[in-house]
PDB file of N, CA and C in Angstrom:
ATOM      1  N   UNK A   1     -40.684-124.151   2.718  1.00  0.00           N
ATOM      2  CA  UNK A   1     -40.518-124.847   1.468  1.00  0.00           C
ATOM      3  C   UNK A   1     -39.045-125.215   1.299  1.00  0.00           C
ATOM      4  N   UNK A   2     -38.732-126.479   1.095  1.00  0.00           N
ATOM      5  CA  UNK A   2     -37.329-126.892   0.964  1.00  0.00           C
ATOM      6  C   UNK A   2     -36.749-126.441  -0.377  1.00  0.00           C
ATOM      7  N   UNK A   3     -35.482-126.155  -0.340  1.00  0.00           N
ATOM      8  CA  UNK A   3     -34.803-125.754  -1.574  1.00  0.00           C
ATOM      9  C   UNK A   3     -34.316-126.982  -2.308  1.00  0.00           C
ATOM     10  N   UNK A   4     -34.229-126.876  -3.601  1.00  0.00           N
ATOM     11  CA  UNK A   4     -33.756-127.977  -4.430  1.00  0.00           C
ATOM     12  C   UNK A   4     -32.228-128.005  -4.393  1.00  0.00           C
ATOM     13  N   UNK A   5     -31.665-129.066  -3.859  1.00  0.00           N
ATOM     14  CA  UNK A   5     -30.201-129.139  -3.746  1.00  0.00           C
ATOM     15  C   UNK A   5     -29.550-129.483  -5.072  1.00  0.00           C
ATOM     16  N   UNK A   6     -30.322-129.928  -6.049  1.00  0.00           N
ATOM     17  CA  UNK A   6     -29.770-130.275  -7.356  1.00  0.00           C
ATOM     18  C   UNK A   6     -29.729-129.089  -8.310  1.00  0.00           C
ATOM     19  N   UNK A   7     -30.333-127.974  -7.914  1.00  0.00           N
ATOM     20  CA  UNK A   7     -30.355-126.797  -8.783  1.00  0.00           C
ATOM     21  C   UNK A   7     -28.957-126.179  -8.830  1.00  0.00           C
ATOM     22  N   UNK A   8     -28.502-125.810 -10.020  1.00  0.00           N
ATOM     23  CA  UNK A   8     -27.160-125.195 -10.117  1.00  0.00           C
ATOM     24  C   UNK A   8     -27.143-123.808  -9.485  1.00  0.00           C
ATOM     25  N   UNK A   9     -26.059-123.522  -8.789  1.00  0.00           N
ATOM     26  CA  UNK A   9     -25.883-122.207  -8.169  1.00  0.00           C
ATOM     27  C   UNK A   9     -24.833-121.427  -8.929  1.00  0.00           C
ATOM     28  N   UNK A  10     -24.999-120.116  -8.948  1.00  0.00           N
ATOM     29  CA  UNK A  10     -23.993-119.275  -9.590  1.00  0.00           C
ATOM     30  C   UNK A  10     -22.794-119.122  -8.664  1.00  0.00           C
ATOM     31  N   UNK A  11     -21.628-119.179  -9.264  1.00  0.00           N
ATOM     32  CA  UNK A  11     -20.390-119.019  -8.512  1.00  0.00           C
ATOM     33  C   UNK A  11     -19.974-117.559  -8.560  1.00  0.00           C
ATOM     34  N   UNK A  12     -20.114-116.847  -7.447  1.00  0.00           N
ATOM     35  CA  UNK A  12     -19.787-115.421  -7.401  1.00  0.00           C
ATOM     36  C   UNK A  12     -18.283-115.198  -7.549  1.00  0.00           C
ATOM     37  N   UNK A  13     -17.480-116.117  -7.095  1.00  0.00           N
ATOM     38  CA  UNK A  13     -16.033-115.967  -7.201  1.00  0.00           C
ATOM     39  C   UNK A  13     -15.574-115.917  -8.643  1.00  0.00           C
ATOM     40  N   UNK A  14     -16.247-116.673  -9.497  1.00  0.00           N
ATOM     41  CA  UNK A  14     -15.901-116.687 -10.902  1.00  0.00           C
ATOM     42  C   UNK A  14     -16.211-115.327 -11.539  1.00  0.00           C
ATOM     43  N   UNK A  15     -17.336-114.719 -11.171  1.00  0.00           N
ATOM     44  CA  UNK A  15     -17.695-113.402 -11.702  1.00  0.00           C
ATOM     45  C   UNK A  15     -16.715-112.338 -11.212  1.00  0.00           C
ATOM     46  N   UNK A  16     -16.308-112.430  -9.967  1.00  0.00           N
ATOM     47  CA  UNK A  16     -15.362-111.457  -9.422  1.00  0.00           C
ATOM     48  C   UNK A  16     -14.001-111.587 -10.098  1.00  0.00           C
ATOM     49  N   UNK A  17     -13.590-112.810 -10.379  1.00  0.00           N
ATOM     50  CA  UNK A  17     -12.325-113.028 -11.071  1.00  0.00           C
ATOM     51  C   UNK A  17     -12.388-112.462 -12.485  1.00  0.00           C
ATOM     52  N   UNK A  18     -13.492-112.676 -13.182  1.00  0.00           N
ATOM     53  CA  UNK A  18     -13.653-112.123 -14.524  1.00  0.00           C
ATOM     54  C   UNK A  18     -13.607-110.598 -14.498  1.00  0.00           C
ATOM     55  N   UNK A  19     -14.253-110.000 -13.517  1.00  0.00           N
ATOM     56  CA  UNK A  19     -14.241-108.546 -13.398  1.00  0.00           C
ATOM     57  C   UNK A  19     -12.827-108.032 -13.130  1.00  0.00           C
ATOM     58  N   UNK A  20     -12.093-108.703 -12.259  1.00  0.00           N
ATOM     59  CA  UNK A  20     -10.728-108.286 -11.953  1.00  0.00           C
ATOM     60  C   UNK A  20      -9.828-108.401 -13.186  1.00  0.00           C
ATOM     61  N   UNK A  21      -9.957-109.480 -13.932  1.00  0.00           N
ATOM     62  CA  UNK A  21      -9.157-109.654 -15.148  1.00  0.00           C
ATOM     63  C   UNK A  21      -9.530-108.598 -16.175  1.00  0.00           C
ATOM     64  N   UNK A  22     -10.815-108.304 -16.314  1.00  0.00           N
ATOM     65  CA  UNK A  22     -11.263-107.276 -17.257  1.00  0.00           C
ATOM     66  C   UNK A  22     -10.714-105.900 -16.881  1.00  0.00           C
ATOM     67  N   UNK A  23     -10.746-105.561 -15.603  1.00  0.00           N
ATOM     68  CA  UNK A  23     -10.206-104.273 -15.170  1.00  0.00           C
ATOM     69  C   UNK A  23      -8.696-104.191 -15.357  1.00  0.00           C
ATOM     70  N   UNK A  24      -7.993-105.284 -15.102  1.00  0.00           N
ATOM     71  CA  UNK A  24      -6.544-105.298 -15.334  1.00  0.00           C
ATOM     72  C   UNK A  24      -6.220-105.153 -16.816  1.00  0.00           C
ATOM     73  N   UNK A  25      -6.986-105.816 -17.671  1.00  0.00           N
ATOM     74  CA  UNK A  25      -6.769-105.704 -19.117  1.00  0.00           C
ATOM     75  C   UNK A  25      -7.055-104.283 -19.593  1.00  0.00           C
ATOM     76  N   UNK A  26      -8.101-103.662 -19.061  1.00  0.00           N
ATOM     77  CA  UNK A  26      -8.424-102.288 -19.420  1.00  0.00           C
ATOM     78  C   UNK A  26      -7.318-101.330 -18.989  1.00  0.00           C
ATOM     79  N   UNK A  27      -6.799-101.512 -17.783  1.00  0.00           N
ATOM     80  CA  UNK A  27      -5.712-100.672 -17.291  1.00  0.00           C
ATOM     81  C   UNK A  27      -4.457-100.849 -18.143  1.00  0.00           C
ATOM     82  N   UNK A  28      -4.138-102.072 -18.477  1.00  0.00           N
ATOM     83  CA  UNK A  28      -2.970-102.338 -19.315  1.00  0.00           C
ATOM     84  C   UNK A  28      -3.138-101.716 -20.702  1.00  0.00           C
ATOM     85  N   UNK A  29      -4.328-101.829 -21.266  1.00  0.00           N
ATOM     86  CA  UNK A  29      -4.591-101.223 -22.562  1.00  0.00           C
ATOM     87  C   UNK A  29      -4.450 -99.712 -22.539  1.00  0.00           C
ATOM     88  N   UNK A  30      -4.934 -99.080 -21.475  1.00  0.00           N
ATOM     89  CA  UNK A  30      -4.798 -97.627 -21.353  1.00  0.00           C
ATOM     90  C   UNK A  30      -3.347 -97.209 -21.187  1.00  0.00           C
ATOM     91  N   UNK A  31      -2.572 -97.968 -20.429  1.00  0.00           N
ATOM     92  CA  UNK A  31      -1.151 -97.654 -20.260  1.00  0.00           C
ATOM     93  C   UNK A  31      -0.393 -97.794 -21.572  1.00  0.00           C
ATOM     94  N   UNK A  32      -0.692 -98.845 -22.336  1.00  0.00           N
ATOM     95  CA  UNK A  32      -0.032 -99.032 -23.629  1.00  0.00           C
ATOM     96  C   UNK A  32      -0.421 -97.914 -24.583  1.00  0.00           C
ATOM     97  N   UNK A  33      -1.694 -97.538 -24.594  1.00  0.00           N
ATOM     98  CA  UNK A  33      -2.148 -96.443 -25.461  1.00  0.00           C
ATOM     99  C   UNK A  33      -1.448 -95.134 -25.104  1.00  0.00           C
ATOM    100  N   UNK A  34      -1.349 -94.847 -23.821  1.00  0.00           N
ATOM    101  CA  UNK A  34      -0.668 -93.619 -23.396  1.00  0.00           C
ATOM    102  C   UNK A  34       0.810 -93.634 -23.793  1.00  0.00           C
ATOM    103  N   UNK A  35       1.456 -94.783 -23.670  1.00  0.00           N
ATOM    104  CA  UNK A  35       2.864 -94.889 -24.054  1.00  0.00           C
ATOM    105  C   UNK A  35       3.047 -94.686 -25.553  1.00  0.00           C
ATOM    106  N   UNK A  36       2.137 -95.219 -26.354  1.00  0.00           N
ATOM    107  CA  UNK A  36       2.238 -95.059 -27.806  1.00  0.00           C
ATOM    108  C   UNK A  36       1.999 -93.605 -28.207  1.00  0.00           C
ATOM    109  N   UNK A  37       1.032 -92.961 -27.579  1.00  0.00           N
ATOM    110  CA  UNK A  37       0.772 -91.548 -27.883  1.00  0.00           C
ATOM    111  C   UNK A  37       1.979 -90.698 -27.501  1.00  0.00           C
ATOM    112  N   UNK A  38       2.559 -90.955 -26.345  1.00  0.00           N
ATOM    113  CA  UNK A  38       3.740 -90.209 -25.913  1.00  0.00           C
ATOM    114  C   UNK A  38       4.898 -90.432 -26.887  1.00  0.00           C
ATOM    115  N   UNK A  39       5.098 -91.686 -27.301  1.00  0.00           N
ATOM    116  CA  UNK A  39       6.175 -91.994 -28.231  1.00  0.00           C
ATOM    117  C   UNK A  39       5.954 -91.302 -29.572  1.00  0.00           C
ATOM    118  N   UNK A  40       4.719 -91.244 -30.030  1.00  0.00           N
ATOM    119  CA  UNK A  40       4.420 -90.572 -31.299  1.00  0.00           C
ATOM    120  C   UNK A  40       4.633 -89.066 -31.195  1.00  0.00           C
ATOM    121  N   UNK A  41       4.404 -88.486 -30.024  1.00  0.00           N
ATOM    122  CA  UNK A  41       4.641 -87.052 -29.847  1.00  0.00           C
ATOM    123  C   UNK A  41       6.128 -86.733 -29.775  1.00  0.00           C
ATOM    124  N   UNK A  42       6.891 -87.613 -29.130  1.00  0.00           N
ATOM    125  CA  UNK A  42       8.318 -87.373 -28.980  1.00  0.00           C
ATOM    126  C   UNK A  42       9.066 -87.657 -30.282  1.00  0.00           C
ATOM    127  N   UNK A  43       8.660 -88.707 -30.986  1.00  0.00           N
ATOM    128  CA  UNK A  43       9.302 -89.095 -32.252  1.00  0.00           C
ATOM    129  C   UNK A  43       8.245 -89.101 -33.357  1.00  0.00           C
ATOM    130  N   UNK A  44       7.996 -87.970 -33.990  1.00  0.00           N
ATOM    131  CA  UNK A  44       6.932 -87.901 -35.009  1.00  0.00           C
ATOM    132  C   UNK A  44       7.148 -88.853 -36.190  1.00  0.00           C
ATOM    133  N   UNK A  45       8.401 -89.204 -36.468  1.00  0.00           N
ATOM    134  CA  UNK A  45       8.651 -90.115 -37.598  1.00  0.00           C
ATOM    135  C   UNK A  45       8.143 -91.534 -37.309  1.00  0.00           C
ATOM    136  N   UNK A  46       7.932 -91.864 -36.054  1.00  0.00           N
ATOM    137  CA  UNK A  46       7.452 -93.199 -35.691  1.00  0.00           C
ATOM    138  C   UNK A  46       5.930 -93.266 -35.649  1.00  0.00           C
ATOM    139  N   UNK A  47       5.242 -92.167 -35.920  1.00  0.00           N
ATOM    140  CA  UNK A  47       3.782 -92.141 -35.795  1.00  0.00           C
ATOM    141  C   UNK A  47       3.110 -93.065 -36.803  1.00  0.00           C
ATOM    142  N   UNK A  48       3.569 -93.057 -38.043  1.00  0.00           N
ATOM    143  CA  UNK A  48       2.924 -93.890 -39.064  1.00  0.00           C
ATOM    144  C   UNK A  48       3.113 -95.388 -38.798  1.00  0.00           C
ATOM    145  N   UNK A  49       4.341 -95.858 -38.496  1.00  0.00           N
ATOM    146  CA  UNK A  49       4.469 -97.288 -38.160  1.00  0.00           C
ATOM    147  C   UNK A  49       3.670 -97.691 -36.918  1.00  0.00           C
ATOM    148  N   UNK A  50       3.573 -96.789 -35.939  1.00  0.00           N
ATOM    149  CA  UNK A  50       2.784 -97.094 -34.756  1.00  0.00           C
ATOM    150  C   UNK A  50       1.301 -97.201 -35.099  1.00  0.00           C
ATOM    151  N   UNK A  51       0.827 -96.346 -36.013  1.00  0.00           N
ATOM    152  CA  UNK A  51      -0.574 -96.408 -36.430  1.00  0.00           C
ATOM    153  C   UNK A  51      -0.865 -97.721 -37.162  1.00  0.00           C
ATOM    154  N   UNK A  52       0.059 -98.155 -38.001  1.00  0.00           N
ATOM    155  CA  UNK A  52      -0.124 -99.432 -38.706  1.00  0.00           C
ATOM    156  C   UNK A  52      -0.137-100.590 -37.712  1.00  0.00           C
ATOM    157  N   UNK A  53       0.776-100.556 -36.765  1.00  0.00           N
ATOM    158  CA  UNK A  53       0.813-101.606 -35.744  1.00  0.00           C
ATOM    159  C   UNK A  53      -0.444-101.635 -34.892  1.00  0.00           C
ATOM    160  N   UNK A  54      -0.953-100.465 -34.539  1.00  0.00           N
ATOM    161  CA  UNK A  54      -2.180-100.399 -33.751  1.00  0.00           C
ATOM    162  C   UNK A  54      -3.367-100.928 -34.539  1.00  0.00           C
ATOM    163  N   UNK A  55      -3.400-100.643 -35.836  1.00  0.00           N
ATOM    164  CA  UNK A  55      -4.483-101.143 -36.680  1.00  0.00           C
ATOM    165  C   UNK A  55      -4.449-102.663 -36.775  1.00  0.00           C
ATOM    166  N   UNK A  56      -3.268-103.221 -36.974  1.00  0.00           N
ATOM    167  CA  UNK A  56      -3.136-104.674 -37.056  1.00  0.00           C
ATOM    168  C   UNK A  56      -3.502-105.313 -35.723  1.00  0.00           C
ATOM    169  N   UNK A  57      -3.032-104.742 -34.629  1.00  0.00           N
ATOM    170  CA  UNK A  57      -3.350-105.284 -33.309  1.00  0.00           C
ATOM    171  C   UNK A  57      -4.844-105.218 -33.032  1.00  0.00           C
ATOM    172  N   UNK A  58      -5.480-104.128 -33.417  1.00  0.00           N
ATOM    173  CA  UNK A  58      -6.931-104.015 -33.238  1.00  0.00           C
ATOM    174  C   UNK A  58      -7.686-105.037 -34.066  1.00  0.00           C
ATOM    175  N   UNK A  59      -7.235-105.270 -35.294  1.00  0.00           N
ATOM    176  CA  UNK A  59      -7.890-106.272 -36.142  1.00  0.00           C
ATOM    177  C   UNK A  59      -7.719-107.673 -35.561  1.00  0.00           C
ATOM    178  N   UNK A  60      -6.527-107.980 -35.054  1.00  0.00           N
ATOM    179  CA  UNK A  60      -6.301-109.296 -34.450  1.00  0.00           C
ATOM    180  C   UNK A  60      -7.144-109.482 -33.189  1.00  0.00           C
ATOM    181  N   UNK A  61      -7.259-108.434 -32.396  1.00  0.00           N
ATOM    182  CA  UNK A  61      -8.068-108.508 -31.185  1.00  0.00           C
ATOM    183  C   UNK A  61      -9.539-108.718 -31.529  1.00  0.00           C
ATOM    184  N   UNK A  62     -10.023-107.984 -32.520  1.00  0.00           N
ATOM    185  CA  UNK A  62     -11.411-108.145 -32.934  1.00  0.00           C
ATOM    186  C   UNK A  62     -11.685-109.533 -33.491  1.00  0.00           C
ATOM    187  N   UNK A  63     -10.758-110.049 -34.277  1.00  0.00           N
ATOM    188  CA  UNK A  63     -10.916-111.392 -34.826  1.00  0.00           C
ATOM    189  C   UNK A  63     -10.908-112.442 -33.722  1.00  0.00           C
ATOM    190  N   UNK A  64     -10.008-112.280 -32.765  1.00  0.00           N
ATOM    191  CA  UNK A  64      -9.965-113.207 -31.629  1.00  0.00           C
ATOM    192  C   UNK A  64     -11.236-113.162 -30.809  1.00  0.00           C
ATOM    193  N   UNK A  65     -11.751-111.973 -30.577  1.00  0.00           N
ATOM    194  CA  UNK A  65     -13.009-111.840 -29.844  1.00  0.00           C
ATOM    195  C   UNK A  65     -14.170-112.474 -30.577  1.00  0.00           C
ATOM    196  N   UNK A  66     -14.200-112.312 -31.884  1.00  0.00           N
ATOM    197  CA  UNK A  66     -15.257-112.917 -32.694  1.00  0.00           C
ATOM    198  C   UNK A  66     -15.173-114.440 -32.650  1.00  0.00           C
ATOM    199  N   UNK A  67     -13.970-114.973 -32.720  1.00  0.00           N
ATOM    200  CA  UNK A  67     -13.794-116.426 -32.657  1.00  0.00           C
ATOM    201  C   UNK A  67     -14.243-116.963 -31.301  1.00  0.00           C
ATOM    202  N   UNK A  68     -13.869-116.271 -30.230  1.00  0.00           N
ATOM    203  CA  UNK A  68     -14.282-116.701 -28.889  1.00  0.00           C
ATOM    204  C   UNK A  68     -15.798-116.640 -28.762  1.00  0.00           C
ATOM    205  N   UNK A  69     -16.406-115.605 -29.305  1.00  0.00           N
ATOM    206  CA  UNK A  69     -17.871-115.460 -29.246  1.00  0.00           C
ATOM    207  C   UNK A  69     -18.553-116.585 -30.003  1.00  0.00           C
ATOM    208  N   UNK A  70     -18.065-116.902 -31.186  1.00  0.00           N
ATOM    209  CA  UNK A  70     -18.676-117.958 -31.997  1.00  0.00           C
ATOM    210  C   UNK A  70     -18.488-119.325 -31.316  1.00  0.00           C
ATOM    211  N   UNK A  71     -17.298-119.581 -30.821  1.00  0.00           N
ATOM    212  CA  UNK A  71     -17.055-120.867 -30.146  1.00  0.00           C
ATOM    213  C   UNK A  71     -17.825-120.963 -28.837  1.00  0.00           C
ATOM    214  N   UNK A  72     -18.012-119.857 -28.159  1.00  0.00           N
ATOM    215  CA  UNK A  72     -18.758-119.865 -26.896  1.00  0.00           C
ATOM    216  C   UNK A  72     -20.234-120.152 -27.091  1.00  0.00           C
ATOM    217  N   UNK A  73     -20.816-119.662 -28.185  1.00  0.00           N
ATOM    218  CA  UNK A  73     -22.230-119.888 -28.447  1.00  0.00           C
ATOM    219  C   UNK A  73     -22.478-121.251 -29.081  1.00  0.00           C
ATOM    220  N   UNK A  74     -21.430-121.883 -29.530  1.00  0.00           N
ATOM    221  CA  UNK A  74     -21.573-123.193 -30.144  1.00  0.00           C
ATOM    222  C   UNK A  74     -21.807-124.315 -29.155  1.00  0.00           C
ATOM    223  N   UNK A  75     -21.578-124.070 -27.890  1.00  0.00           N
ATOM    224  CA  UNK A  75     -21.744-125.110 -26.865  1.00  0.00           C
ATOM    225  C   UNK A  75     -23.174-125.369 -26.546  1.00  0.00           C
TER     226      UNK A  75
END
């Protein structure tokens, strides 16, 4: 049975690139988290400003993810 040459094929390279970027982002996030925890332990007076900054960064990340999700499903 002949295969349909017009059928779209999945690009495995694109999935591998996405996985690599996701793993790099996860590693970077863990390194930043560890650095912030270490800084808060060494300088306890900086713990509250670091917590506020982490909260704002988390809210911005969540908002950005939501926007990307909404725009991605709109296509």
